[in-house]
């Protein structure tokens, strides 16, 4: 069975003023969950104070994902796809 996952396009300003662009990928088509997951990830990289609302995190599209990403989503509830300006 192929599951569809929901992608939320996210742009957040970091402490140093740079913009981090990343996608929050989750099995829940709900922006509030996506924002919660983004905050959790931001805190894990030392960006707890970053502003994130439905203005910074918007539903983009629905897609299938690789098995590795699907396992992360089933384990953690989400996957962060780093696009630009994110720490390694």
C-alpha atoms as a PDB file:
ATOM      1  CA  UNK A   1       0.000   0.000   0.000  1.00  0.00           C
ATOM      2  CA  UNK A   2       1.374   3.401  -0.970  1.00  0.00           C
ATOM      3  CA  UNK A   3       0.691   6.145   1.537  1.00  0.00           C
ATOM      4  CA  UNK A   4       0.422   9.788   0.678  1.00  0.00           C
ATOM      5  CA  UNK A   5       2.314  12.270   2.809  1.00  0.00           C
ATOM      6  CA  UNK A   6       1.677  15.972   3.116  1.00  0.00           C
ATOM      7  CA  UNK A   7       4.405  18.514   2.485  1.00  0.00           C
ATOM      8  CA  UNK A   8       4.427  21.907   4.204  1.00  0.00           C
ATOM      9  CA  UNK A   9       6.767  24.455   2.628  1.00  0.00           C
ATOM     10  CA  UNK A  10       8.456  26.384   5.446  1.00  0.00           C
ATOM     11  CA  UNK A  11      10.618  29.511   5.612  1.00  0.00           C
ATOM     12  CA  UNK A  12      11.985  30.583   9.009  1.00  0.00           C
ATOM     13  CA  UNK A  13      14.464  33.320   9.947  1.00  0.00           C
ATOM     14  CA  UNK A  14      17.322  31.995  12.075  1.00  0.00           C
ATOM     15  CA  UNK A  15      19.018  33.759  15.019  1.00  0.00           C
ATOM     16  CA  UNK A  16      21.704  35.093  12.706  1.00  0.00           C
ATOM     17  CA  UNK A  17      19.113  36.545  10.314  1.00  0.00           C
ATOM     18  CA  UNK A  18      19.469  33.969   7.555  1.00  0.00           C
ATOM     19  CA  UNK A  19      16.383  32.326   6.086  1.00  0.00           C
ATOM     20  CA  UNK A  20      16.114  28.567   6.492  1.00  0.00           C
ATOM     21  CA  UNK A  21      13.933  26.849   3.902  1.00  0.00           C
ATOM     22  CA  UNK A  22      12.729  23.343   4.669  1.00  0.00           C
ATOM     23  CA  UNK A  23       9.746  21.086   4.161  1.00  0.00           C
ATOM     24  CA  UNK A  24       7.858  19.416   6.983  1.00  0.00           C
ATOM     25  CA  UNK A  25       6.611  16.065   5.674  1.00  0.00           C
ATOM     26  CA  UNK A  26       3.935  14.288   7.712  1.00  0.00           C
ATOM     27  CA  UNK A  27       1.016  11.886   7.384  1.00  0.00           C
ATOM     28  CA  UNK A  28      -1.299  14.533   8.876  1.00  0.00           C
ATOM     29  CA  UNK A  29      -2.786  17.098   6.501  1.00  0.00           C
ATOM     30  CA  UNK A  30      -2.967  19.726   9.217  1.00  0.00           C
ATOM     31  CA  UNK A  31      -0.853  22.878   9.428  1.00  0.00           C
ATOM     32  CA  UNK A  32      -0.985  22.942  13.246  1.00  0.00           C
ATOM     33  CA  UNK A  33       0.751  19.541  13.391  1.00  0.00           C
ATOM     34  CA  UNK A  34       3.301  20.730  10.819  1.00  0.00           C
ATOM     35  CA  UNK A  35       4.050  23.840  12.898  1.00  0.00           C
ATOM     36  CA  UNK A  36       4.424  21.720  16.055  1.00  0.00           C
ATOM     37  CA  UNK A  37       6.861  19.396  14.261  1.00  0.00           C
ATOM     38  CA  UNK A  38       8.791  22.352  12.815  1.00  0.00           C
ATOM     39  CA  UNK A  39       9.100  23.887  16.303  1.00  0.00           C
ATOM     40  CA  UNK A  40      10.360  20.568  17.672  1.00  0.00           C
ATOM     41  CA  UNK A  41      12.998  20.361  14.950  1.00  0.00           C
ATOM     42  CA  UNK A  42      13.965  24.034  15.290  1.00  0.00           C
ATOM     43  CA  UNK A  43      14.485  23.541  19.027  1.00  0.00           C
ATOM     44  CA  UNK A  44      16.701  20.513  18.304  1.00  0.00           C
ATOM     45  CA  UNK A  45      19.019  22.702  16.174  1.00  0.00           C
ATOM     46  CA  UNK A  46      19.190  25.561  18.684  1.00  0.00           C
ATOM     47  CA  UNK A  47      16.590  27.796  17.007  1.00  0.00           C
ATOM     48  CA  UNK A  48      13.907  27.611  19.706  1.00  0.00           C
ATOM     49  CA  UNK A  49      13.088  31.338  19.374  1.00  0.00           C
ATOM     50  CA  UNK A  50      12.445  31.218  15.623  1.00  0.00           C
ATOM     51  CA  UNK A  51       9.044  32.606  14.643  1.00  0.00           C
ATOM     52  CA  UNK A  52       6.849  30.003  12.985  1.00  0.00           C
ATOM     53  CA  UNK A  53       3.155  30.404  12.257  1.00  0.00           C
ATOM     54  CA  UNK A  54       0.864  29.499   9.371  1.00  0.00           C
ATOM     55  CA  UNK A  55       2.503  32.447   7.554  1.00  0.00           C
ATOM     56  CA  UNK A  56       5.895  30.673   7.590  1.00  0.00           C
ATOM     57  CA  UNK A  57       4.568  27.114   7.176  1.00  0.00           C
ATOM     58  CA  UNK A  58       2.084  26.458   4.372  1.00  0.00           C
ATOM     59  CA  UNK A  59       0.644  23.308   2.825  1.00  0.00           C
ATOM     60  CA  UNK A  60       2.349  22.703  -0.510  1.00  0.00           C
ATOM     61  CA  UNK A  61       1.382  19.302  -1.922  1.00  0.00           C
ATOM     62  CA  UNK A  62       0.843  15.604  -1.243  1.00  0.00           C
ATOM     63  CA  UNK A  63       3.279  12.931  -2.408  1.00  0.00           C
ATOM     64  CA  UNK A  64       4.664   9.478  -1.776  1.00  0.00           C
ATOM     65  CA  UNK A  65       8.071   9.212  -0.061  1.00  0.00           C
ATOM     66  CA  UNK A  66      10.970   6.773   0.121  1.00  0.00           C
ATOM     67  CA  UNK A  67      10.817   3.893   2.573  1.00  0.00           C
ATOM     68  CA  UNK A  68      13.495   5.543   4.764  1.00  0.00           C
ATOM     69  CA  UNK A  69      11.485   8.756   5.076  1.00  0.00           C
ATOM     70  CA  UNK A  70       8.280   6.800   5.671  1.00  0.00           C
ATOM     71  CA  UNK A  71       9.968   4.966   8.580  1.00  0.00           C
ATOM     72  CA  UNK A  72      11.036   8.325  10.079  1.00  0.00           C
ATOM     73  CA  UNK A  73       7.473   9.640   9.762  1.00  0.00           C
ATOM     74  CA  UNK A  74       5.975   6.506  11.311  1.00  0.00           C
ATOM     75  CA  UNK A  75       8.521   6.727  14.164  1.00  0.00           C
ATOM     76  CA  UNK A  76       8.634  10.489  14.847  1.00  0.00           C
ATOM     77  CA  UNK A  77       5.449  11.750  13.168  1.00  0.00           C
ATOM     78  CA  UNK A  78       7.381  13.870  10.689  1.00  0.00           C
ATOM     79  CA  UNK A  79      10.447  14.270   8.490  1.00  0.00           C
ATOM     80  CA  UNK A  80      12.333  17.512   7.809  1.00  0.00           C
ATOM     81  CA  UNK A  81      13.573  17.903   4.242  1.00  0.00           C
ATOM     82  CA  UNK A  82      16.293  20.567   4.408  1.00  0.00           C
ATOM     83  CA  UNK A  83      16.282  22.724   1.287  1.00  0.00           C
ATOM     84  CA  UNK A  84      18.334  25.870   1.831  1.00  0.00           C
ATOM     85  CA  UNK A  85      20.115  27.620   4.697  1.00  0.00           C
ATOM     86  CA  UNK A  86      19.628  24.775   7.202  1.00  0.00           C
ATOM     87  CA  UNK A  87      22.457  23.379   9.351  1.00  0.00           C
ATOM     88  CA  UNK A  88      23.816  19.996   8.341  1.00  0.00           C
END
